[in-house]
């Protein structure tokens, strides 16, 4: 015969076991849920990291591409400037020079007044390339001096940094000649000289603007030997 007390005790034990199993199951579910959450967070973190890395890489590529595009634009503008400035004669009026520059779509900052004296300073450089350390700083710099609204001086320089440079200067008393220094070429051009010498003097190597390898002095003005031979006659 089973006593009532034994039945009650067995029933209580069964209920305790049931509660323990239920609690264990709930803990297992909680752990599984926590594990799932951690896995989802890990996957989200990986996706976010991949997105950030991809976006950064694309942005960097766009910046690099833009730097080379802007360098190409500087070369194109420099070429248009040379086509305008090379044939300009001393005494050309300020208004006519400005009109020619504008017609050639050359960006230039004009002085507020040029009735007595003024200077136009025009630069074409690979700014973003050397800012990003992609190429040496190289540019074409043009200077036009006016007195009484007439052109009295022209200077055009293609230079790399502060070391290598080739320049052409033109002024009323200039005599066509060439001077060579260790890293610089200095060409004087007579304002009445419209021979092949003028063409050679302005034959700057504009490919140096934006060149990743950069250019040495003789590469800036490849016609230097011809100019030397012409002035030596």
Protein backbone atom coordinates (compact mmCIF):
# COMPACT_ATOMS: atom_id res chain seq x y z
CA UNK A 1 0.00 0.00 0.00
CA UNK A 2 1.28 3.46 -0.99
CA UNK A 3 0.82 6.08 1.68
CA UNK A 4 -0.77 9.41 0.99
CA UNK A 5 2.38 11.12 2.23
CA UNK A 6 4.50 9.23 -0.32
CA UNK A 7 2.19 10.22 -3.14
CA UNK A 8 2.34 13.83 -2.12
CA UNK A 9 6.12 13.67 -1.87
CA UNK A 10 6.46 12.06 -5.33
CA UNK A 11 4.11 14.64 -6.80
CA UNK A 12 6.12 17.46 -5.28
CA UNK A 13 9.34 15.98 -6.67
CA UNK A 14 7.77 15.70 -10.08
CA UNK A 15 6.69 19.33 -9.96
CA UNK A 16 10.17 20.40 -8.87
CA UNK A 17 11.71 18.42 -11.73
CA UNK A 18 9.26 20.00 -14.13
CA UNK A 19 10.09 23.49 -12.93
CA UNK A 20 13.83 22.75 -13.14
CA UNK A 21 13.50 21.44 -16.66
CA UNK A 22 11.39 24.43 -17.62
CA UNK A 23 13.92 26.85 -16.16
CA UNK A 24 16.77 25.00 -17.90
CA UNK A 25 14.92 25.17 -21.19
CA UNK A 26 14.28 28.88 -20.72
CA UNK A 27 17.96 29.47 -19.99
CA UNK A 28 18.92 27.52 -23.08
CA UNK A 29 16.51 29.60 -25.14
CA UNK A 30 17.94 32.81 -23.66
CA UNK A 31 21.48 31.70 -24.42
CA UNK A 32 20.51 30.74 -27.94
CA UNK A 33 18.78 34.09 -28.37
CA UNK A 34 21.81 35.94 -27.04
CA UNK A 35 24.04 33.93 -29.37
CA UNK A 36 21.80 34.77 -32.32
CA UNK A 37 21.85 38.46 -31.39
CA UNK A 38 25.64 38.43 -31.12
CA UNK A 39 25.91 36.68 -34.47
CA UNK A 40 23.58 39.19 -36.10
CA UNK A 41 25.51 42.09 -34.56
CA UNK A 42 28.75 40.54 -35.79
CA UNK A 43 27.34 40.18 -39.31
CA UNK A 44 26.04 43.76 -39.22
CA UNK A 45 29.42 45.01 -38.01
CA UNK A 46 31.18 43.16 -40.82
CA UNK A 47 28.74 44.53 -43.39
CA UNK A 48 29.20 48.05 -42.03
CA UNK A 49 32.99 47.71 -42.06
CA UNK A 50 32.88 46.45 -45.63
CA UNK A 51 30.66 49.38 -46.61
CA UNK A 52 33.00 51.89 -44.95
CA UNK A 53 36.10 50.37 -46.57
CA UNK A 54 34.43 50.24 -50.00
CA UNK A 55 33.11 53.81 -49.74
CA UNK A 56 36.53 55.07 -48.61
CA UNK A 57 38.27 53.29 -51.48
CA UNK A 58 35.81 54.71 -54.03
CA UNK A 59 36.18 58.23 -52.59
CA UNK A 60 39.98 57.93 -52.71
CA UNK A 61 39.89 56.74 -56.32
CA UNK A 62 37.63 59.66 -57.26
CA UNK A 63 39.99 62.15 -55.58
CA UNK A 64 43.02 60.64 -57.35
CA UNK A 65 41.23 60.67 -60.70
CA UNK A 66 40.15 64.30 -60.14
CA UNK A 67 43.77 65.31 -59.43
CA UNK A 68 44.91 63.93 -62.79
CA UNK A 69 41.92 65.44 -64.61
CA UNK A 70 42.72 68.87 -63.16
CA UNK A 71 46.38 68.48 -64.17
CA UNK A 72 45.25 67.74 -67.72
CA UNK A 73 43.05 70.83 -67.66
CA UNK A 74 46.03 72.92 -66.50
CA UNK A 75 48.07 71.63 -69.47
CA UNK A 76 45.26 72.43 -71.88
CA UNK A 77 44.85 75.97 -70.52
CA UNK A 78 48.62 76.49 -70.58
CA UNK A 79 48.72 75.50 -74.25
CA UNK A 80 45.97 78.00 -75.07
CA UNK A 81 47.84 80.69 -73.14
CA UNK A 82 51.04 80.09 -75.11
CA UNK A 83 49.13 80.42 -78.38
CA UNK A 84 47.94 83.85 -77.21
CA UNK A 85 51.09 85.18 -75.59
CA UNK A 86 53.80 84.05 -78.03
CA UNK A 87 52.76 86.37 -80.92
CA UNK A 88 51.86 89.35 -78.69
CA UNK A 89 53.87 92.42 -79.64
CA UNK A 90 55.21 95.04 -77.28
CA UNK A 91 52.81 97.98 -77.23
CA UNK A 92 49.66 95.84 -77.56
CA UNK A 93 46.89 97.53 -75.60
CA UNK A 94 45.68 96.14 -72.30
CA UNK A 95 42.11 95.87 -73.56
CA UNK A 96 43.12 93.83 -76.60
CA UNK A 97 45.22 91.44 -74.51
CA UNK A 98 42.38 90.88 -72.05
CA UNK A 99 39.98 90.24 -74.92
CA UNK A 100 42.30 87.65 -76.44
CA UNK A 101 42.73 85.89 -73.09
CA UNK A 102 38.99 85.78 -72.55
CA UNK A 103 38.35 84.53 -76.09
CA UNK A 104 40.83 81.71 -75.39
CA UNK A 105 38.89 80.85 -72.20
CA UNK A 106 41.90 81.50 -70.00
CA UNK A 107 41.08 82.26 -66.34
CA UNK A 108 42.69 85.50 -65.22
CA UNK A 109 42.18 87.85 -62.28
CA UNK A 110 42.12 91.42 -63.54
CA UNK A 111 43.41 94.39 -61.53
CA UNK A 112 40.93 97.06 -60.50
CA UNK A 113 42.83 99.73 -62.45
CA UNK A 114 45.39 99.55 -65.27
CA UNK A 115 45.53 103.15 -66.49
CA UNK A 116 49.12 103.75 -65.34
CA UNK A 117 50.74 100.42 -64.42
CA UNK A 118 49.51 96.92 -63.77
CA UNK A 119 50.56 93.28 -63.96
CA UNK A 120 48.65 90.22 -65.06
CA UNK A 121 49.90 87.11 -63.28
CA UNK A 122 48.57 83.85 -64.73
CA UNK A 123 49.38 80.37 -63.42
CA UNK A 124 48.66 76.84 -64.57
CA UNK A 125 49.79 74.28 -61.99
CA UNK A 126 49.10 70.68 -60.91
CA UNK A 127 48.05 71.82 -57.44
CA UNK A 128 46.05 68.77 -56.39
CA UNK A 129 48.63 66.29 -57.65
CA UNK A 130 51.45 67.68 -55.54
CA UNK A 131 49.11 68.32 -52.59
CA UNK A 132 48.37 64.58 -52.64
CA UNK A 133 52.06 63.78 -53.28
CA UNK A 134 51.26 62.22 -56.65
CA UNK A 135 53.69 64.32 -58.70
CA UNK A 136 56.25 67.11 -58.28
CA UNK A 137 54.86 70.67 -58.26
CA UNK A 138 55.10 71.88 -61.84
CA UNK A 139 53.46 74.79 -63.59
CA UNK A 140 53.54 77.42 -66.28
CA UNK A 141 53.58 80.99 -64.98
CA UNK A 142 52.90 83.95 -67.24
CA UNK A 143 53.50 87.59 -66.39
CA UNK A 144 52.36 90.53 -68.51
CA UNK A 145 53.38 94.07 -67.49
CA UNK A 146 51.52 97.13 -68.75
CA UNK A 147 52.38 100.81 -68.57
CA UNK A 148 49.89 103.40 -69.75
CA UNK A 149 47.70 100.44 -70.80
CA UNK A 150 50.33 99.12 -73.21
CA UNK A 151 52.32 95.89 -72.98
CA UNK A 152 55.95 96.56 -72.00
CA UNK A 153 57.16 93.20 -70.64
CA UNK A 154 56.42 89.49 -71.04
CA UNK A 155 57.76 86.63 -68.96
CA UNK A 156 56.81 82.99 -69.31
CA UNK A 157 58.28 80.33 -67.02
CA UNK A 158 57.83 76.58 -66.91
CA UNK A 159 59.22 75.36 -63.62
CA UNK A 160 59.31 72.39 -61.32
CA UNK A 161 59.43 73.33 -57.68
CA UNK A 162 62.09 75.92 -56.89
CA UNK A 163 64.93 74.11 -58.69
CA UNK A 164 64.31 73.41 -62.38
CA UNK A 165 63.02 76.20 -64.61
CA UNK A 166 63.02 77.45 -68.19
CA UNK A 167 62.00 81.05 -68.86
CA UNK A 168 61.45 83.34 -71.81
CA UNK A 169 61.54 87.11 -71.29
CA UNK A 170 60.61 89.77 -73.80
CA UNK A 171 60.95 93.56 -73.42
CA UNK A 172 61.68 96.51 -75.75
CA UNK A 173 65.48 96.48 -75.41
CA UNK A 174 65.91 92.68 -75.30
CA UNK A 175 68.35 90.95 -77.64
CA UNK A 176 67.72 87.32 -78.48
CA UNK A 177 70.09 85.23 -76.37
CA UNK A 178 70.33 82.16 -74.15
CA UNK A 179 71.87 81.83 -70.70
CA UNK A 180 72.32 78.48 -69.00
CA UNK A 181 72.72 77.97 -65.30
CA UNK A 182 73.02 74.67 -63.47
CA UNK A 183 69.28 74.07 -63.25
CA UNK A 184 67.81 77.00 -65.16
CA UNK A 185 67.43 78.12 -68.76
CA UNK A 186 67.04 81.86 -69.36
CA UNK A 187 65.99 82.95 -72.84
CA UNK A 188 65.77 86.59 -73.87
CA UNK A 189 63.69 87.30 -76.95
CA UNK A 190 63.89 90.41 -79.07
CA UNK A 191 60.42 91.93 -79.58
CA UNK A 192 61.15 92.23 -83.30
CA UNK A 193 62.29 88.63 -83.67
CA UNK A 194 59.50 86.66 -85.36
CA UNK A 195 61.73 83.98 -86.85
CA UNK A 196 61.81 80.30 -85.95
CA UNK A 197 63.74 81.40 -82.86
CA UNK A 198 60.52 82.75 -81.34
CA UNK A 199 58.71 79.52 -82.07
CA UNK A 200 61.48 77.52 -80.41
CA UNK A 201 61.63 79.86 -77.42
CA UNK A 202 57.97 79.19 -76.60
CA UNK A 203 58.14 75.44 -77.30
CA UNK A 204 57.73 74.50 -73.65
CA UNK A 205 57.16 70.86 -72.84
CA UNK A 206 53.74 71.15 -71.21
CA UNK A 207 53.64 67.39 -70.63
CA UNK A 208 55.82 68.16 -67.61
CA UNK A 209 52.73 69.62 -65.88
CA UNK A 210 51.29 66.61 -64.10
CA UNK A 211 54.14 64.27 -65.00
CA UNK A 212 54.52 61.73 -62.19
CA UNK A 213 58.26 61.39 -62.85
CA UNK A 214 58.82 65.13 -63.23
CA UNK A 215 61.15 66.87 -65.69
CA UNK A 216 64.75 68.00 -65.63
CA UNK A 217 65.85 71.38 -66.95
CA UNK A 218 66.51 70.36 -70.56
CA UNK A 219 63.18 68.52 -70.66
CA UNK A 220 61.28 71.69 -69.81
CA UNK A 221 62.43 73.36 -73.04
CA UNK A 222 63.52 70.62 -75.48
CA UNK A 223 64.52 73.18 -78.15
CA UNK A 224 67.32 74.62 -76.02
CA UNK A 225 70.10 73.21 -78.23
CA UNK A 226 68.56 74.74 -81.34
CA UNK A 227 68.23 78.08 -79.57
CA UNK A 228 71.87 77.97 -78.51
CA UNK A 229 73.00 77.22 -82.06
CA UNK A 230 70.86 80.04 -83.42
CA UNK A 231 72.33 82.65 -81.08
CA UNK A 232 75.88 81.37 -81.60
CA UNK A 233 75.83 82.26 -85.31
